[in-house]
Amino acid sequence: MAFAKDQSAGYLANHMARIFAHGLTARIKPLGLTTGTFPALLELWDTDGLTQKQLVERLDIEQATMANTLARMERDGLIVREKDTNDGRVQRVWLTDRARNLRGPAIAAAQEENAVRLAGHTDDEKRQFIALIQKVIKTKTPEEPGDT
């Protein structure tokens, strides 16, 4: 059976993700943000004070990757890490005022990129597209934890 990359869901999803990431990078770079820190910021803007473990679980990334991302975010003045008041072994990740103030412009940048990339589609096509992506993301293979 021949492999055709233009018919491969995985190849196309990866290519599309790179296109979106490239556009988002250009839009958030002037804010001093990167696409590497953006997902963590989205989670923290929703729920400030998460633990590193919670961020790893929510973002479905490796622990080491999250540790490096948080170190960069701390260096860039986006977060502070503080011991949990109830469990001193746990550190909570808190947004700085700088990061809180970037929420509006960063979200606007992401919405602008989405609008540009989906401009040629009807509202119904956009809803279907998002629904299909969500369905794929929720689908786990038998070996993966959290089967649905």
Protein backbone atom coordinates (compact mmCIF):
# COMPACT_ATOMS: atom_id res chain seq x y z
CA MET A 1 0.00 0.00 0.00
CA ALA A 2 1.45 3.35 -1.04
CA PHE A 3 1.75 6.23 1.39
CA ALA A 4 0.46 9.57 0.16
CA LYS A 5 1.30 12.40 2.52
CA ASP A 6 -1.50 14.56 1.10
CA GLN A 7 -3.92 11.85 2.28
CA SER A 8 -2.30 11.21 5.66
CA ALA A 9 -4.23 12.67 8.61
CA GLY A 10 -1.11 12.68 10.78
CA TYR A 11 1.07 14.39 8.20
CA LEU A 12 -1.59 16.98 7.39
CA ALA A 13 -2.35 17.69 11.06
CA ASN A 14 1.35 18.18 11.74
CA HIS A 15 1.74 20.46 8.73
CA MET A 16 -1.31 22.47 9.71
CA ALA A 17 -0.04 22.78 13.29
CA ARG A 18 3.26 24.19 11.99
CA ILE A 19 1.37 26.74 9.86
CA PHE A 20 -0.73 27.86 12.82
CA ALA A 21 2.35 27.94 15.09
CA HIS A 22 4.33 30.02 12.60
CA GLY A 23 1.51 32.57 12.35
CA LEU A 24 0.97 32.66 16.11
CA THR A 25 4.70 33.09 16.70
CA ALA A 26 4.75 36.19 14.53
CA ARG A 27 1.77 37.62 16.40
CA ILE A 28 2.91 36.96 19.99
CA LYS A 29 6.64 37.56 19.60
CA PRO A 30 6.13 41.35 19.96
CA LEU A 31 4.47 40.58 23.33
CA GLY A 32 7.60 38.73 24.45
CA LEU A 33 5.84 35.35 24.28
CA THR A 34 6.58 32.11 22.45
CA THR A 35 4.46 29.23 21.26
CA GLY A 36 6.36 27.07 23.77
CA THR A 37 4.98 29.00 26.74
CA PHE A 38 1.57 29.84 25.28
CA PRO A 39 -0.20 26.56 26.21
CA ALA A 40 0.94 26.84 29.85
CA LEU A 41 -0.20 30.44 29.95
CA LEU A 42 -3.62 29.44 28.62
CA GLU A 43 -3.98 26.90 31.43
CA LEU A 44 -2.77 29.35 34.08
CA TRP A 45 -5.01 32.13 32.79
CA ASP A 46 -7.90 29.73 33.33
CA THR A 47 -6.66 28.40 36.70
CA ASP A 48 -3.80 30.23 38.35
CA GLY A 49 -1.81 28.34 40.97
CA LEU A 50 -1.66 24.93 39.32
CA THR A 51 1.12 22.52 40.16
CA GLN A 52 3.71 21.41 37.62
CA LYS A 53 2.13 17.95 37.66
CA GLN A 54 -1.29 19.40 36.87
CA LEU A 55 0.16 21.36 33.95
CA VAL A 56 1.86 18.21 32.62
CA GLU A 57 -1.45 16.33 32.76
CA ARG A 58 -3.51 19.13 31.21
CA LEU A 59 -1.06 19.80 28.39
CA ASP A 60 -0.16 16.13 27.80
CA ILE A 61 3.57 16.83 27.66
CA GLU A 62 6.62 15.29 29.28
CA GLN A 63 7.64 16.32 32.80
CA ALA A 64 11.10 17.43 31.61
CA THR A 65 9.61 19.60 28.89
CA MET A 66 7.30 21.26 31.39
CA ALA A 67 10.17 21.85 33.82
CA ASN A 68 12.20 23.57 31.09
CA THR A 69 9.18 25.62 29.98
CA LEU A 70 8.50 26.78 33.53
CA ALA A 71 12.17 27.69 34.02
CA ARG A 72 12.02 29.89 30.91
CA MET A 73 8.73 31.43 32.03
CA GLU A 74 10.21 32.20 35.44
CA ARG A 75 13.33 33.70 33.84
CA ASP A 76 11.09 35.85 31.60
CA GLY A 77 9.09 37.15 34.54
CA LEU A 78 5.85 35.37 33.60
CA ILE A 79 5.51 33.12 36.65
CA VAL A 80 6.68 32.59 40.19
CA ARG A 81 6.79 29.23 41.94
CA GLU A 82 5.84 29.01 45.58
CA LYS A 83 5.47 26.14 48.03
CA ASP A 84 1.92 24.99 48.60
CA THR A 85 0.60 26.25 51.95
CA ASN A 86 -0.83 22.81 52.81
CA ASP A 87 1.95 20.60 51.42
CA GLY A 88 5.48 21.99 51.43
CA ARG A 89 6.63 19.29 48.98
CA VAL A 90 4.40 20.77 46.27
CA GLN A 91 5.13 23.94 44.34
CA ARG A 92 2.37 25.99 42.82
CA VAL A 93 2.85 28.06 39.68
CA TRP A 94 1.48 31.58 39.87
CA LEU A 95 1.25 34.18 37.13
CA THR A 96 2.97 37.49 37.60
CA ASP A 97 1.18 40.77 36.93
CA ARG A 98 3.11 40.95 33.66
CA ALA A 99 1.67 37.63 32.52
CA ARG A 100 -1.85 38.53 33.67
CA ASN A 101 -1.66 41.77 31.67
CA LEU A 102 -0.64 39.88 28.53
CA ARG A 103 -3.76 37.70 28.55
CA GLY A 104 -5.94 40.03 26.46
CA PRO A 105 -3.40 40.82 23.74
CA ALA A 106 -2.21 37.19 23.54
CA ILE A 107 -5.72 35.77 23.25
CA ALA A 108 -6.54 38.39 20.62
CA ALA A 109 -3.43 37.35 18.68
CA ALA A 110 -4.51 33.69 18.74
CA GLN A 111 -8.05 34.59 17.67
CA GLU A 112 -6.67 36.69 14.80
CA GLU A 113 -4.50 33.79 13.62
CA ASN A 114 -7.44 31.40 13.78
CA ALA A 115 -9.60 33.85 11.84
CA VAL A 116 -6.97 34.27 9.11
CA ARG A 117 -6.42 30.51 8.72
CA LEU A 118 -10.15 29.71 8.66
CA ALA A 119 -11.27 32.72 6.61
CA GLY A 120 -12.21 30.63 3.58
CA HIS A 121 -14.67 28.49 5.51
CA THR A 122 -18.31 28.93 6.43
CA ASP A 123 -19.34 29.09 10.08
CA ASP A 124 -20.74 25.56 9.75
CA GLU A 125 -17.46 24.27 8.27
CA LYS A 126 -15.53 25.93 11.11
CA ARG A 127 -17.74 24.22 13.72
CA GLN A 128 -17.36 20.85 11.97
CA PHE A 129 -13.60 21.30 11.70
CA ILE A 130 -13.23 22.09 15.40
CA ALA A 131 -15.55 19.21 16.34
CA LEU A 132 -13.52 16.73 14.28
CA ILE A 133 -10.23 17.93 15.78
CA GLN A 134 -11.69 17.60 19.29
CA LYS A 135 -12.90 14.08 18.48
CA VAL A 136 -9.45 13.02 17.25
CA ILE A 137 -7.78 14.50 20.33
CA LYS A 138 -10.16 12.64 22.65
CA THR A 139 -9.57 9.33 20.87
CA LYS A 140 -6.92 7.25 22.64
CA THR A 141 -5.32 4.06 21.46
CA PRO A 142 -5.74 1.00 23.74
CA GLU A 143 -2.17 1.45 25.06
CA GLU A 144 -2.74 5.04 26.15
CA PRO A 145 -3.99 5.95 29.61
CA GLY A 146 -7.34 7.63 29.96
CA ASP A 147 -9.18 5.60 27.33
CA THR A 148 -12.53 7.10 26.37
